[in-house]
N, C-alpha and C. Protein backbone atom coordinates (compact mmCIF):
# COMPACT_ATOMS: atom_id res chain seq x y z
N MET A 1 72.52 82.67 27.57
CA MET A 1 73.18 82.79 28.75
C MET A 1 73.50 83.76 29.64
N VAL A 2 73.79 85.17 29.26
CA VAL A 2 74.15 85.98 30.07
C VAL A 2 73.23 86.06 31.03
N SER A 3 71.34 86.04 30.61
CA SER A 3 70.46 86.70 31.48
C SER A 3 70.10 85.33 32.23
N PHE A 4 70.38 84.11 31.87
CA PHE A 4 70.60 83.05 32.92
C PHE A 4 71.49 83.00 33.78
N ILE A 5 72.73 83.77 33.59
CA ILE A 5 73.51 83.40 34.65
C ILE A 5 73.35 84.84 35.79
N ASP A 6 72.04 86.17 35.19
CA ASP A 6 72.39 87.16 35.83
C ASP A 6 71.54 86.80 36.97
N SER A 7 70.21 86.39 36.60
CA SER A 7 69.31 85.72 37.09
C SER A 7 69.46 84.90 38.03
N HIS A 8 71.01 83.59 38.40
CA HIS A 8 71.10 83.02 39.13
C HIS A 8 72.53 83.26 39.93
N LYS A 9 73.26 84.39 39.87
CA LYS A 9 74.47 84.94 39.95
C LYS A 9 74.49 85.39 41.54
N GLY A 10 73.13 85.76 41.71
CA GLY A 10 73.45 86.08 43.52
C GLY A 10 73.32 84.93 44.60
N LYS A 11 72.75 83.46 43.62
CA LYS A 11 72.67 82.35 44.64
C LYS A 11 73.84 81.84 44.69
N PHE A 12 74.66 81.77 43.33
CA PHE A 12 75.64 80.55 42.98
C PHE A 12 76.83 81.16 42.90
N GLY A 13 76.76 82.95 42.05
CA GLY A 13 78.11 83.57 41.82
C GLY A 13 78.11 83.11 40.69
N VAL A 14 79.11 84.20 39.80
CA VAL A 14 79.31 83.99 38.17
C VAL A 14 80.40 82.59 37.51
N GLU A 15 81.34 82.59 38.99
CA GLU A 15 82.31 81.44 38.38
C GLU A 15 81.83 80.63 38.63
N PRO A 16 81.40 80.31 39.71
CA PRO A 16 80.75 78.77 39.74
C PRO A 16 79.92 78.38 38.92
N ILE A 17 78.67 79.24 38.22
CA ILE A 17 77.96 79.25 37.22
C ILE A 17 78.72 78.79 35.85
N CYS A 18 79.59 79.64 35.44
CA CYS A 18 80.57 79.42 34.54
C CYS A 18 81.60 78.32 34.41
N LYS A 19 81.64 78.20 35.25
CA LYS A 19 82.07 76.18 35.62
C LYS A 19 81.26 75.16 34.94
N THR A 20 80.23 75.45 35.38
CA THR A 20 79.32 74.86 34.82
C THR A 20 79.01 74.48 33.38
N LEU A 21 78.42 76.00 33.16
CA LEU A 21 78.16 76.14 31.66
C LEU A 21 79.44 76.00 30.23
N PRO A 22 79.09 76.13 29.80
CA PRO A 22 80.06 75.99 28.61
C PRO A 22 80.36 77.39 28.25
N ILE A 23 81.10 78.54 29.09
CA ILE A 23 80.82 80.02 28.87
C ILE A 23 82.25 80.21 29.81
N ALA A 24 83.22 80.81 29.32
CA ALA A 24 84.22 81.83 30.24
C ALA A 24 83.33 82.62 30.87
N PRO A 25 83.94 83.11 32.01
CA PRO A 25 83.65 84.43 32.81
C PRO A 25 84.15 85.92 31.95
N ALA A 26 85.04 85.46 31.57
CA ALA A 26 85.71 86.50 30.60
C ALA A 26 84.31 87.11 29.60
N THR A 27 83.62 86.23 29.27
CA THR A 27 83.32 86.12 27.65
C THR A 27 81.70 87.07 28.65
N TYR A 28 81.86 86.20 30.01
CA TYR A 28 80.21 86.62 30.91
C TYR A 28 80.72 88.73 30.67
N TYR A 29 81.70 88.42 31.51
CA TYR A 29 81.71 90.24 32.20
C TYR A 29 82.19 90.91 30.38
N GLU A 30 82.84 90.40 29.13
CA GLU A 30 82.54 91.57 28.37
C GLU A 30 81.09 91.96 27.74
N GLN A 31 80.23 90.41 27.64
CA GLN A 31 79.08 90.79 27.34
C GLN A 31 78.31 92.03 27.90
N LYS A 32 78.68 91.66 29.38
CA LYS A 32 77.84 93.03 30.08
C LYS A 32 78.32 94.82 30.02
N ALA A 33 79.94 94.37 29.58
CA ALA A 33 80.30 95.73 29.43
C ALA A 33 79.87 96.40 28.24
N ARG A 34 79.39 95.57 27.44
CA ARG A 34 78.90 95.26 25.65
C ARG A 34 77.59 96.42 26.59
N GLN A 35 76.59 95.94 26.90
CA GLN A 35 75.53 96.33 27.33
C GLN A 35 75.22 97.90 27.93
N ARG A 36 76.98 98.02 28.62
CA ARG A 36 76.89 98.70 29.34
C ARG A 36 77.41 100.34 28.78
N ASP A 37 78.17 100.10 27.17
CA ASP A 37 78.68 100.83 27.10
C ASP A 37 78.92 99.98 24.85
N PHE A 38 78.02 101.05 24.35
CA PHE A 38 78.03 100.21 23.05
C PHE A 38 79.24 100.31 21.88
N THR A 39 79.66 101.42 22.12
CA THR A 39 81.14 101.52 21.39
C THR A 39 81.98 100.38 21.71
N ARG A 40 81.34 99.45 22.76
CA ARG A 40 82.74 98.10 22.83
C ARG A 40 81.69 96.94 21.88
N LEU A 41 80.92 97.37 21.32
CA LEU A 41 80.44 96.16 20.23
C LEU A 41 80.88 96.18 18.85
N PRO A 42 81.11 94.92 18.76
CA PRO A 42 81.46 94.98 17.17
C PRO A 42 81.46 95.37 15.96
N GLU A 43 82.10 95.71 15.50
CA GLU A 43 81.55 96.67 13.40
C GLU A 43 80.46 96.14 13.39
N ARG A 44 79.99 94.82 13.13
CA ARG A 44 79.19 94.13 12.62
C ARG A 44 78.00 94.00 13.11
N LYS A 45 77.98 94.44 14.53
CA LYS A 45 76.82 94.57 15.20
C LYS A 45 76.53 95.59 14.96
N LYS A 46 77.22 96.88 15.44
CA LYS A 46 76.93 98.26 15.14
C LYS A 46 76.29 98.21 13.93
N LEU A 47 76.73 98.03 12.84
CA LEU A 47 76.43 98.20 11.45
C LEU A 47 74.76 97.63 11.28
N ASP A 48 74.36 96.30 12.14
CA ASP A 48 73.12 95.36 11.97
C ASP A 48 72.24 96.36 12.79
N MET A 49 72.77 96.98 14.01
CA MET A 49 71.76 98.08 14.36
C MET A 49 71.59 99.13 14.05
N ARG A 50 72.38 99.64 12.77
CA ARG A 50 72.03 100.71 11.92
C ARG A 50 71.16 100.61 10.78
N LEU A 51 71.40 98.76 10.75
CA LEU A 51 70.42 98.88 9.39
C LEU A 51 68.83 98.86 9.86
N LYS A 52 68.88 98.17 10.89
CA LYS A 52 67.52 97.35 11.76
C LYS A 52 66.90 98.63 11.85
N GLU A 53 67.12 99.70 12.53
CA GLU A 53 66.52 101.06 12.65
C GLU A 53 66.39 101.40 10.93
N LYS A 54 67.05 101.68 10.06
CA LYS A 54 66.78 101.38 8.48
C LYS A 54 65.22 101.29 8.14
N ILE A 55 65.79 99.82 8.39
CA ILE A 55 64.65 98.94 7.69
C ILE A 55 63.06 98.85 8.44
N GLN A 56 63.31 99.10 9.82
CA GLN A 56 61.87 99.70 10.28
C GLN A 56 61.24 101.02 10.16
N ARG A 57 62.43 101.96 9.55
CA ARG A 57 61.28 103.44 9.60
C ARG A 57 61.54 102.82 8.07
N ILE A 58 61.79 101.94 7.13
CA ILE A 58 60.96 102.07 5.89
C ILE A 58 59.88 101.68 5.95
């Protein structure tokens, strides 16, 4: 959903898109912040990323 908003925010804006879709603007902005700063990710997501690297290595 974040990628859809990114694709259309130039034409419609983030808040109007979020009003139409079932996503709060704060959720969108938090997801964008997490993409820029991995330290903001939930602990479970960080663990999954570490495990994925180990699994791929094996």
